[in-house]
Amino acid sequence: MTEIYSTLPTSKISLPSGALGRLRSQQDFLSPSLRRVTEYILANAELVVYQTITELATAVGVGEASITRLCRKLDFPGFHAFKISLTSDLAVQGNEIPQQGDGMLYRADQAVHQSTFALESTRRILEPEVVESVARALMTARRVEISGQGYSGLAAQFFAQKLLRVGIAAFAHSDPHISAVSASTLTSGDVLIGITRSGSTIDTVQNLKAAFQAGAFTVAITHRATSPITQYAREVLYTASPESPLAGGAISSLTSQVLLLEVLYLELFAHLQGASDIIRKTAESVVEKKF
């Protein structure tokens, strides 16, 4: 016998922006199995952000398909996109520190608090297999281009210098025109990493698209799971950067990007033959440039 439950309307409806809000608003419209998943997530949100889809399904006693179905009913493309939103929800909640004053030390505490949450939140959604895949591509790349604008451009410059120190030909052009020309010359033996929090920065998306069409190994680093840049990325690495009205998200975005790039560098360094010798050689090259 087929049981009929009230489900979400098939037409587009207005849902809350966050994962927690969507779960709470739609909880009463779900089938018993999906409602059980929802209740588990709401009660164990801090744990769920670290779980895989298999671990969550096992904990609740449902199939993985049920988890995917719930995510899609909540208008997320998949479980990972849902986890990114859930992580942001938790970070924003924890990022609200008590109003204790308006002096310099208070503002310093706010900055430290926001950066810490950005780091912790990004750590929660790291995908080891994706980091390993990108690290392997970097190890064998003929050339590496890193594209980013604004604060993401600073992260791009940071990572290019890190790669150069281990002997990898890496470039991060500050001029968007030069960056576009350089991206257009990439081949199947090259890597392009596009860094954009929104996932919709035009210059970065266009560079990744050009490299993707040329057969290069393309990587997107973004906060948005559903954004234009992901359709041109062979691999996607996600950051979680809770924004605050005070800083406009600048410090959390840059902090989370730098953490992710540092983790990628450490994974690369761990498997790169002769990395320590190259680091020593490159360090010696600038000794005479310091007093």
C-alpha atoms as a PDB file:
ATOM      1  CA  MET A   1       0.000   0.000   0.000  1.00  0.00           C
ATOM      2  CA  THR A   2       1.375   3.394  -0.956  1.00  0.00           C
ATOM      3  CA  GLU A   3       1.265   5.905   1.853  1.00  0.00           C
ATOM      4  CA  ILE A   4       0.738   9.538   0.943  1.00  0.00           C
ATOM      5  CA  TYR A   5       2.463  12.265   2.912  1.00  0.00           C
ATOM      6  CA  SER A   6       2.370  15.993   2.599  1.00  0.00           C
ATOM      7  CA  THR A   7       5.514  16.978   0.736  1.00  0.00           C
ATOM      8  CA  LEU A   8       7.085  20.169  -0.461  1.00  0.00           C
ATOM      9  CA  PRO A   9       5.279  21.801  -3.395  1.00  0.00           C
ATOM     10  CA  THR A  10       6.827  21.111  -6.778  1.00  0.00           C
ATOM     11  CA  SER A  11       6.621  24.782  -7.727  1.00  0.00           C
ATOM     12  CA  LYS A  12       9.269  27.216  -6.570  1.00  0.00           C
ATOM     13  CA  ILE A  13       8.661  28.388  -3.025  1.00  0.00           C
ATOM     14  CA  SER A  14      10.444  30.919  -0.873  1.00  0.00           C
ATOM     15  CA  LEU A  15      12.732  29.071   1.522  1.00  0.00           C
ATOM     16  CA  PRO A  16      14.896  30.540   4.311  1.00  0.00           C
ATOM     17  CA  SER A  17      18.483  31.115   3.236  1.00  0.00           C
ATOM     18  CA  GLY A  18      20.203  28.784   5.708  1.00  0.00           C
ATOM     19  CA  ALA A  19      20.174  25.016   6.176  1.00  0.00           C
ATOM     20  CA  LEU A  20      18.810  25.169   9.721  1.00  0.00           C
ATOM     21  CA  GLY A  21      16.025  27.559   8.728  1.00  0.00           C
ATOM     22  CA  ARG A  22      14.982  25.357   5.819  1.00  0.00           C
ATOM     23  CA  LEU A  23      14.981  22.230   7.972  1.00  0.00           C
ATOM     24  CA  ARG A  24      12.778  23.847  10.612  1.00  0.00           C
ATOM     25  CA  SER A  25      10.388  25.432   8.115  1.00  0.00           C
ATOM     26  CA  GLN A  26       9.804  22.208   6.169  1.00  0.00           C
ATOM     27  CA  GLN A  27      10.007  19.661   8.990  1.00  0.00           C
ATOM     28  CA  ASP A  28       6.228  19.157   9.174  1.00  0.00           C
ATOM     29  CA  PHE A  29       5.900  18.555   5.426  1.00  0.00           C
ATOM     30  CA  LEU A  30       8.268  15.601   5.201  1.00  0.00           C
ATOM     31  CA  SER A  31       7.734  11.857   5.192  1.00  0.00           C
ATOM     32  CA  PRO A  32       8.533  10.023   8.454  1.00  0.00           C
ATOM     33  CA  SER A  33      11.965   8.863   7.243  1.00  0.00           C
ATOM     34  CA  LEU A  34      13.008  12.343   6.101  1.00  0.00           C
ATOM     35  CA  ARG A  35      11.570  13.858   9.255  1.00  0.00           C
ATOM     36  CA  ARG A  36      13.753  11.471  11.249  1.00  0.00           C
ATOM     37  CA  VAL A  37      16.804  12.670   9.351  1.00  0.00           C
ATOM     38  CA  THR A  38      15.778  16.283   9.993  1.00  0.00           C
ATOM     39  CA  GLU A  39      15.354  15.713  13.727  1.00  0.00           C
ATOM     40  CA  TYR A  40      18.769  14.062  13.925  1.00  0.00           C
ATOM     41  CA  ILE A  41      20.463  16.928  12.096  1.00  0.00           C
ATOM     42  CA  LEU A  42      18.789  19.597  14.227  1.00  0.00           C
ATOM     43  CA  ALA A  43      19.841  17.775  17.400  1.00  0.00           C
ATOM     44  CA  ASN A  44      23.388  16.990  16.224  1.00  0.00           C
ATOM     45  CA  ALA A  45      24.298  19.790  13.824  1.00  0.00           C
ATOM     46  CA  GLU A  46      27.821  20.184  15.223  1.00  0.00           C
ATOM     47  CA  LEU A  47      28.478  16.497  14.541  1.00  0.00           C
ATOM     48  CA  VAL A  48      26.795  16.351  11.129  1.00  0.00           C
ATOM     49  CA  VAL A  49      29.176  18.918   9.597  1.00  0.00           C
ATOM     50  CA  TYR A  50      31.981  16.389  10.105  1.00  0.00           C
ATOM     51  CA  GLN A  51      30.052  13.361   8.837  1.00  0.00           C
ATOM     52  CA  THR A  52      30.015  11.885   5.351  1.00  0.00           C
ATOM     53  CA  ILE A  53      26.694  11.070   3.720  1.00  0.00           C
ATOM     54  CA  THR A  54      27.300   7.403   4.545  1.00  0.00           C
ATOM     55  CA  GLU A  55      27.973   8.126   8.213  1.00  0.00           C
ATOM     56  CA  LEU A  56      24.852  10.270   8.504  1.00  0.00           C
ATOM     57  CA  ALA A  57      22.686   7.662   6.800  1.00  0.00           C
ATOM     58  CA  THR A  58      24.023   4.944   9.109  1.00  0.00           C
ATOM     59  CA  ALA A  59      23.502   7.068  12.224  1.00  0.00           C
ATOM     60  CA  VAL A  60      19.869   7.738  11.336  1.00  0.00           C
ATOM     61  CA  GLY A  61      19.150   4.286   9.922  1.00  0.00           C
ATOM     62  CA  VAL A  62      18.164   5.315   6.399  1.00  0.00           C
ATOM     63  CA  GLY A  63      19.666   4.924   2.941  1.00  0.00           C
ATOM     64  CA  GLU A  64      22.011   7.476   1.392  1.00  0.00           C
ATOM     65  CA  ALA A  65      19.337   8.186  -1.200  1.00  0.00           C
ATOM     66  CA  SER A  66      17.117   9.541   1.580  1.00  0.00           C
ATOM     67  CA  ILE A  67      19.794  12.048   2.578  1.00  0.00           C
ATOM     68  CA  THR A  68      20.173  13.187  -1.013  1.00  0.00           C
ATOM     69  CA  ARG A  69      16.411  13.446  -1.416  1.00  0.00           C
ATOM     70  CA  LEU A  70      16.133  15.616   1.695  1.00  0.00           C
ATOM     71  CA  CYS A  71      18.884  17.944   0.471  1.00  0.00           C
ATOM     72  CA  ARG A  72      17.145  18.387  -2.871  1.00  0.00           C
ATOM     73  CA  LYS A  73      13.771  18.994  -1.237  1.00  0.00           C
ATOM     74  CA  LEU A  74      15.488  21.805   0.666  1.00  0.00           C
ATOM     75  CA  ASP A  75      16.785  23.195  -2.650  1.00  0.00           C
ATOM     76  CA  PHE A  76      20.404  22.114  -2.213  1.00  0.00           C
ATOM     77  CA  PRO A  77      22.082  20.275  -5.135  1.00  0.00           C
ATOM     78  CA  GLY A  78      23.556  17.685  -2.793  1.00  0.00           C
ATOM     79  CA  PHE A  79      24.782  16.798   0.673  1.00  0.00           C
ATOM     80  CA  HIS A  80      28.031  18.741   0.461  1.00  0.00           C
ATOM     81  CA  ALA A  81      26.238  21.947  -0.501  1.00  0.00           C
ATOM     82  CA  PHE A  82      23.895  21.366   2.424  1.00  0.00           C
ATOM     83  CA  LYS A  83      26.872  20.908   4.784  1.00  0.00           C
ATOM     84  CA  ILE A  84      28.437  24.166   3.636  1.00  0.00           C
ATOM     85  CA  SER A  85      25.215  26.017   4.451  1.00  0.00           C
ATOM     86  CA  LEU A  86      24.899  24.206   7.784  1.00  0.00           C
ATOM     87  CA  THR A  87      28.488  25.088   8.665  1.00  0.00           C
ATOM     88  CA  SER A  88      27.836  28.752   7.889  1.00  0.00           C
ATOM     89  CA  ASP A  89      24.725  28.702  10.075  1.00  0.00           C
ATOM     90  CA  LEU A  90      26.660  27.315  13.026  1.00  0.00           C
ATOM     91  CA  ALA A  91      29.540  29.708  12.490  1.00  0.00           C
ATOM     92  CA  VAL A  92      27.242  32.743  12.383  1.00  0.00           C
ATOM     93  CA  GLN A  93      25.565  31.614  15.600  1.00  0.00           C
ATOM     94  CA  GLY A  94      28.897  31.151  17.338  1.00  0.00           C
ATOM     95  CA  ASN A  95      30.275  34.344  15.839  1.00  0.00           C
ATOM     96  CA  GLU A  96      27.898  36.486  17.836  1.00  0.00           C
ATOM     97  CA  ILE A  97      30.003  37.550  20.800  1.00  0.00           C
ATOM     98  CA  PRO A  98      28.543  39.651  23.618  1.00  0.00           C
ATOM     99  CA  GLN A  99      28.703  43.413  23.289  1.00  0.00           C
ATOM    100  CA  GLN A 100      31.329  44.333  25.873  1.00  0.00           C
ATOM    101  CA  GLY A 101      32.503  47.715  24.684  1.00  0.00           C
ATOM    102  CA  ASP A 102      33.644  49.723  21.727  1.00  0.00           C
ATOM    103  CA  GLY A 103      37.368  50.149  22.371  1.00  0.00           C
ATOM    104  CA  MET A 104      40.348  48.922  20.391  1.00  0.00           C
ATOM    105  CA  LEU A 105      40.748  45.701  22.386  1.00  0.00           C
ATOM    106  CA  TYR A 106      37.102  44.830  21.840  1.00  0.00           C
ATOM    107  CA  ARG A 107      37.495  45.299  18.105  1.00  0.00           C
ATOM    108  CA  ALA A 108      40.636  43.145  18.217  1.00  0.00           C
ATOM    109  CA  ASP A 109      38.656  40.431  19.994  1.00  0.00           C
ATOM    110  CA  GLN A 110      36.009  40.594  17.273  1.00  0.00           C
ATOM    111  CA  ALA A 111      38.619  40.145  14.540  1.00  0.00           C
ATOM    112  CA  VAL A 112      40.249  37.202  16.317  1.00  0.00           C
ATOM    113  CA  HIS A 113      36.872  35.608  16.984  1.00  0.00           C
ATOM    114  CA  GLN A 114      35.779  35.932  13.371  1.00  0.00           C
ATOM    115  CA  SER A 115      39.062  34.554  12.020  1.00  0.00           C
ATOM    116  CA  THR A 116      38.956  31.600  14.396  1.00  0.00           C
ATOM    117  CA  PHE A 117      35.455  30.658  13.302  1.00  0.00           C
ATOM    118  CA  ALA A 118      36.435  30.934   9.648  1.00  0.00           C
ATOM    119  CA  LEU A 119      39.329  28.534  10.229  1.00  0.00           C
ATOM    120  CA  GLU A 120      37.258  26.044  12.219  1.00  0.00           C
ATOM    121  CA  SER A 121      34.387  26.151   9.740  1.00  0.00           C
ATOM    122  CA  THR A 122      36.642  25.590   6.726  1.00  0.00           C
ATOM    123  CA  ARG A 123      38.317  22.666   8.485  1.00  0.00           C
ATOM    124  CA  ARG A 124      34.915  21.044   8.946  1.00  0.00           C
ATOM    125  CA  ILE A 125      34.173  20.852   5.231  1.00  0.00           C
ATOM    126  CA  LEU A 126      37.607  19.819   3.939  1.00  0.00           C
ATOM    127  CA  GLU A 127      37.434  16.871   1.548  1.00  0.00           C
ATOM    128  CA  PRO A 128      40.739  14.930   1.842  1.00  0.00           C
ATOM    129  CA  GLU A 129      40.318  13.088  -1.461  1.00  0.00           C
ATOM    130  CA  VAL A 130      39.877  16.374  -3.346  1.00  0.00           C
ATOM    131  CA  VAL A 131      42.910  17.946  -1.651  1.00  0.00           C
ATOM    132  CA  GLU A 132      44.963  14.871  -2.621  1.00  0.00           C
ATOM    133  CA  SER A 133      43.724  15.002  -6.219  1.00  0.00           C
ATOM    134  CA  VAL A 134      44.673  18.670  -6.600  1.00  0.00           C
ATOM    135  CA  ALA A 135      48.060  18.115  -4.928  1.00  0.00           C
ATOM    136  CA  ARG A 136      48.855  15.318  -7.399  1.00  0.00           C
ATOM    137  CA  ALA A 137      47.938  17.562 -10.321  1.00  0.00           C
ATOM    138  CA  LEU A 138      50.210  20.321  -9.017  1.00  0.00           C
ATOM    139  CA  MET A 139      53.140  17.916  -8.620  1.00  0.00           C
ATOM    140  CA  THR A 140      53.122  17.038 -12.314  1.00  0.00           C
ATOM    141  CA  ALA A 141      52.007  20.358 -13.793  1.00  0.00           C
ATOM    142  CA  ARG A 142      54.090  22.060 -16.466  1.00  0.00           C
ATOM    143  CA  ARG A 143      52.730  25.417 -15.352  1.00  0.00           C
ATOM    144  CA  VAL A 144      50.313  26.591 -12.657  1.00  0.00           C
ATOM    145  CA  GLU A 145      48.160  29.706 -12.945  1.00  0.00           C
ATOM    146  CA  ILE A 146      46.280  31.047  -9.923  1.00  0.00           C
ATOM    147  CA  SER A 147      43.498  33.511 -10.653  1.00  0.00           C
ATOM    148  CA  GLY A 148      41.767  35.764  -8.147  1.00  0.00           C
ATOM    149  CA  GLN A 149      40.538  39.335  -7.790  1.00  0.00           C
ATOM    150  CA  GLY A 150      40.479  41.618  -4.766  1.00  0.00           C
ATOM    151  CA  TYR A 151      41.144  39.759  -1.510  1.00  0.00           C
ATOM    152  CA  SER A 152      41.137  36.494  -3.448  1.00  0.00           C
ATOM    153  CA  GLY A 153      43.961  37.964  -5.529  1.00  0.00           C
ATOM    154  CA  LEU A 154      46.032  38.315  -2.363  1.00  0.00           C
ATOM    155  CA  ALA A 155      45.435  34.646  -1.600  1.00  0.00           C
ATOM    156  CA  ALA A 156      46.475  33.811  -5.163  1.00  0.00           C
ATOM    157  CA  GLN A 157      49.752  35.723  -4.774  1.00  0.00           C
ATOM    158  CA  PHE A 158      50.393  33.954  -1.469  1.00  0.00           C
ATOM    159  CA  PHE A 159      49.984  30.503  -2.984  1.00  0.00           C
ATOM    160  CA  ALA A 160      52.026  31.282  -6.084  1.00  0.00           C
ATOM    161  CA  GLN A 161      54.963  32.216  -3.876  1.00  0.00           C
ATOM    162  CA  LYS A 162      54.553  29.040  -1.818  1.00  0.00           C
ATOM    163  CA  LEU A 163      54.678  26.915  -4.968  1.00  0.00           C
ATOM    164  CA  LEU A 164      57.700  28.755  -6.338  1.00  0.00           C
ATOM    165  CA  ARG A 165      59.581  27.936  -3.148  1.00  0.00           C
ATOM    166  CA  VAL A 166      59.261  24.217  -3.944  1.00  0.00           C
ATOM    167  CA  GLY A 167      60.241  24.570  -7.588  1.00  0.00           C
ATOM    168  CA  ILE A 168      56.815  24.657  -9.229  1.00  0.00           C
ATOM    169  CA  ALA A 169      56.377  27.228 -12.004  1.00  0.00           C
ATOM    170  CA  ALA A 170      53.411  29.176 -10.597  1.00  0.00           C
ATOM    171  CA  PHE A 171      52.023  32.578 -11.559  1.00  0.00           C
ATOM    172  CA  ALA A 172      49.361  34.887 -10.127  1.00  0.00           C
ATOM    173  CA  HIS A 173      48.941  37.966 -12.302  1.00  0.00           C
ATOM    174  CA  SER A 174      47.527  41.106 -10.692  1.00  0.00           C
ATOM    175  CA  ASP A 175      46.454  42.544 -14.073  1.00  0.00           C
ATOM    176  CA  PRO A 176      43.198  40.811 -15.161  1.00  0.00           C
ATOM    177  CA  HIS A 177      44.036  41.283 -18.846  1.00  0.00           C
ATOM    178  CA  ILE A 178      47.409  39.567 -18.498  1.00  0.00           C
ATOM    179  CA  SER A 179      45.748  36.880 -16.406  1.00  0.00           C
ATOM    180  CA  ALA A 180      43.201  36.252 -19.175  1.00  0.00           C
ATOM    181  CA  VAL A 181      45.905  36.053 -21.863  1.00  0.00           C
ATOM    182  CA  SER A 182      47.979  33.691 -19.735  1.00  0.00           C
ATOM    183  CA  ALA A 183      44.981  31.451 -19.000  1.00  0.00           C
ATOM    184  CA  SER A 184      44.208  31.193 -22.714  1.00  0.00           C
ATOM    185  CA  THR A 185      47.646  29.659 -23.389  1.00  0.00           C
ATOM    186  CA  LEU A 186      47.302  26.775 -20.939  1.00  0.00           C
ATOM    187  CA  THR A 187      47.259  23.176 -22.176  1.00  0.00           C
ATOM    188  CA  SER A 188      46.417  19.726 -20.872  1.00  0.00           C
ATOM    189  CA  GLY A 189      49.684  19.646 -18.953  1.00  0.00           C
ATOM    190  CA  ASP A 190      48.846  22.737 -16.906  1.00  0.00           C
ATOM    191  CA  VAL A 191      46.737  23.648 -13.861  1.00  0.00           C
ATOM    192  CA  LEU A 192      44.583  26.710 -13.244  1.00  0.00           C
ATOM    193  CA  ILE A 193      43.212  27.465  -9.777  1.00  0.00           C
ATOM    194  CA  GLY A 194      40.414  30.024  -9.603  1.00  0.00           C
ATOM    195  CA  ILE A 195      39.795  31.619  -6.201  1.00  0.00           C
ATOM    196  CA  THR A 196      36.523  33.459  -5.669  1.00  0.00           C
ATOM    197  CA  ARG A 197      34.388  33.515  -2.546  1.00  0.00           C
ATOM    198  CA  SER A 198      31.180  34.190  -4.456  1.00  0.00           C
ATOM    199  CA  GLY A 199      31.987  31.816  -7.292  1.00  0.00           C
ATOM    200  CA  SER A 200      30.756  34.439  -9.748  1.00  0.00           C
ATOM    201  CA  THR A 201      33.678  36.867 -10.164  1.00  0.00           C
ATOM    202  CA  ILE A 202      33.608  37.377 -13.923  1.00  0.00           C
ATOM    203  CA  ASP A 203      37.361  37.525 -14.600  1.00  0.00           C
ATOM    204  CA  THR A 204      38.076  34.426 -12.525  1.00  0.00           C
ATOM    205  CA  VAL A 205      35.182  32.437 -14.017  1.00  0.00           C
ATOM    206  CA  GLN A 206      36.229  33.357 -17.562  1.00  0.00           C
ATOM    207  CA  ASN A 207      39.833  32.339 -16.882  1.00  0.00           C
ATOM    208  CA  LEU A 208      38.753  28.976 -15.521  1.00  0.00           C
ATOM    209  CA  LYS A 209      36.435  28.471 -18.492  1.00  0.00           C
ATOM    210  CA  ALA A 210      39.239  29.177 -20.980  1.00  0.00           C
ATOM    211  CA  ALA A 211      41.591  26.765 -19.215  1.00  0.00           C
ATOM    212  CA  PHE A 212      38.876  24.114 -18.927  1.00  0.00           C
ATOM    213  CA  GLN A 213      38.105  24.294 -22.644  1.00  0.00           C
ATOM    214  CA  ALA A 214      41.823  23.989 -23.428  1.00  0.00           C
ATOM    215  CA  GLY A 215      42.030  20.752 -21.435  1.00  0.00           C
ATOM    216  CA  ALA A 216      43.911  22.091 -18.397  1.00  0.00           C
ATOM    217  CA  PHE A 217      43.273  20.688 -14.919  1.00  0.00           C
ATOM    218  CA  THR A 218      40.960  23.288 -13.378  1.00  0.00           C
ATOM    219  CA  VAL A 219      40.290  23.880  -9.684  1.00  0.00           C
ATOM    220  CA  ALA A 220      37.749  26.213  -8.105  1.00  0.00           C
ATOM    221  CA  ILE A 221      38.107  27.492  -4.552  1.00  0.00           C
ATOM    222  CA  THR A 222      34.829  29.034  -3.476  1.00  0.00           C
ATOM    223  CA  HIS A 223      32.275  29.417  -0.700  1.00  0.00           C
ATOM    224  CA  ARG A 224      29.305  28.786  -2.997  1.00  0.00           C
ATOM    225  CA  ALA A 225      28.510  25.214  -4.015  1.00  0.00           C
ATOM    226  CA  THR A 226      26.031  26.421  -6.620  1.00  0.00           C
ATOM    227  CA  SER A 227      27.921  29.091  -8.528  1.00  0.00           C
ATOM    228  CA  PRO A 228      29.045  29.647 -12.139  1.00  0.00           C
ATOM    229  CA  ILE A 229      32.679  28.757 -11.529  1.00  0.00           C
ATOM    230  CA  THR A 230      31.968  25.188 -10.425  1.00  0.00           C
ATOM    231  CA  GLN A 231      30.731  24.133 -13.874  1.00  0.00           C
ATOM    232  CA  TYR A 232      34.233  24.708 -15.277  1.00  0.00           C
ATOM    233  CA  ALA A 233      36.112  23.041 -12.420  1.00  0.00           C
ATOM    234  CA  ARG A 234      37.437  19.514 -12.494  1.00  0.00           C
ATOM    235  CA  GLU A 235      37.786  19.721  -8.718  1.00  0.00           C
ATOM    236  CA  VAL A 236      36.151  22.102  -6.233  1.00  0.00           C
ATOM    237  CA  LEU A 237      37.527  23.015  -2.805  1.00  0.00           C
ATOM    238  CA  TYR A 238      35.182  24.846  -0.463  1.00  0.00           C
ATOM    239  CA  THR A 239      35.805  27.520   2.140  1.00  0.00           C
ATOM    240  CA  ALA A 240      33.443  28.584   4.894  1.00  0.00           C
ATOM    241  CA  SER A 241      33.665  32.259   5.713  1.00  0.00           C
ATOM    242  CA  PRO A 242      30.976  33.613   8.053  1.00  0.00           C
ATOM    243  CA  GLU A 243      30.556  37.310   7.417  1.00  0.00           C
ATOM    244  CA  SER A 244      30.072  40.054   9.932  1.00  0.00           C
ATOM    245  CA  PRO A 245      28.590  43.524   9.358  1.00  0.00           C
ATOM    246  CA  LEU A 246      31.703  45.072  10.877  1.00  0.00           C
ATOM    247  CA  ALA A 247      34.304  43.568   8.533  1.00  0.00           C
ATOM    248  CA  GLY A 248      32.112  42.716   5.552  1.00  0.00           C
ATOM    249  CA  GLY A 249      33.540  39.204   5.447  1.00  0.00           C
ATOM    250  CA  ALA A 250      36.985  40.359   4.284  1.00  0.00           C
ATOM    251  CA  ILE A 251      39.016  38.855   7.116  1.00  0.00           C
ATOM    252  CA  SER A 252      37.054  35.607   7.267  1.00  0.00           C
ATOM    253  CA  SER A 253      37.181  35.106   3.498  1.00  0.00           C
ATOM    254  CA  LEU A 254      40.928  35.668   3.258  1.00  0.00           C
ATOM    255  CA  THR A 255      41.635  33.624   6.388  1.00  0.00           C
ATOM    256  CA  SER A 256      39.648  30.621   5.155  1.00  0.00           C
ATOM    257  CA  GLN A 257      41.245  30.785   1.694  1.00  0.00           C
ATOM    258  CA  VAL A 258      44.774  30.959   3.105  1.00  0.00           C
ATOM    259  CA  LEU A 259      44.088  28.010   5.421  1.00  0.00           C
ATOM    260  CA  LEU A 260      42.829  25.893   2.536  1.00  0.00           C
ATOM    261  CA  LEU A 261      45.835  26.809   0.385  1.00  0.00           C
ATOM    262  CA  GLU A 262      48.213  26.038   3.255  1.00  0.00           C
ATOM    263  CA  VAL A 263      46.649  22.601   3.709  1.00  0.00           C
ATOM    264  CA  LEU A 264      47.007  22.001  -0.031  1.00  0.00           C
ATOM    265  CA  TYR A 265      50.656  23.094   0.115  1.00  0.00           C
ATOM    266  CA  LEU A 266      51.401  20.796   3.063  1.00  0.00           C
ATOM    267  CA  GLU A 267      49.809  17.847   1.241  1.00  0.00           C
ATOM    268  CA  LEU A 268      51.903  18.656  -1.828  1.00  0.00           C
ATOM    269  CA  PHE A 269      55.094  19.051   0.224  1.00  0.00           C
ATOM    270  CA  ALA A 270      54.549  15.698   1.939  1.00  0.00           C
ATOM    271  CA  HIS A 271      54.639  13.835  -1.390  1.00  0.00           C
ATOM    272  CA  LEU A 272      57.031  15.972  -3.447  1.00  0.00           C
ATOM    273  CA  GLN A 273      60.407  14.309  -3.865  1.00  0.00           C
ATOM    274  CA  GLY A 274      63.334  16.497  -2.860  1.00  0.00           C
ATOM    275  CA  ALA A 275      61.047  19.216  -1.475  1.00  0.00           C
ATOM    276  CA  SER A 276      63.272  19.893   1.545  1.00  0.00           C
ATOM    277  CA  ASP A 277      66.342  20.344  -0.661  1.00  0.00           C
ATOM    278  CA  ILE A 278      64.459  22.729  -2.951  1.00  0.00           C
ATOM    279  CA  ILE A 279      63.240  24.761   0.029  1.00  0.00           C
ATOM    280  CA  ARG A 280      66.807  25.024   1.310  1.00  0.00           C
ATOM    281  CA  LYS A 281      68.055  26.108  -2.116  1.00  0.00           C
ATOM    282  CA  THR A 282      65.381  28.762  -2.587  1.00  0.00           C
ATOM    283  CA  ALA A 283      65.912  30.050   0.966  1.00  0.00           C
ATOM    284  CA  GLU A 284      69.639  30.431   0.310  1.00  0.00           C
ATOM    285  CA  SER A 285      68.896  32.446  -2.827  1.00  0.00           C
ATOM    286  CA  VAL A 286      67.584  35.373  -0.753  1.00  0.00           C
ATOM    287  CA  VAL A 287      70.019  35.238   2.163  1.00  0.00           C
ATOM    288  CA  GLU A 288      72.082  38.132   0.847  1.00  0.00           C
ATOM    289  CA  LYS A 289      68.980  40.270   0.458  1.00  0.00           C
ATOM    290  CA  LYS A 290      68.563  40.520   4.236  1.00  0.00           C
ATOM    291  CA  PHE A 291      70.629  42.412   6.801  1.00  0.00           C
END
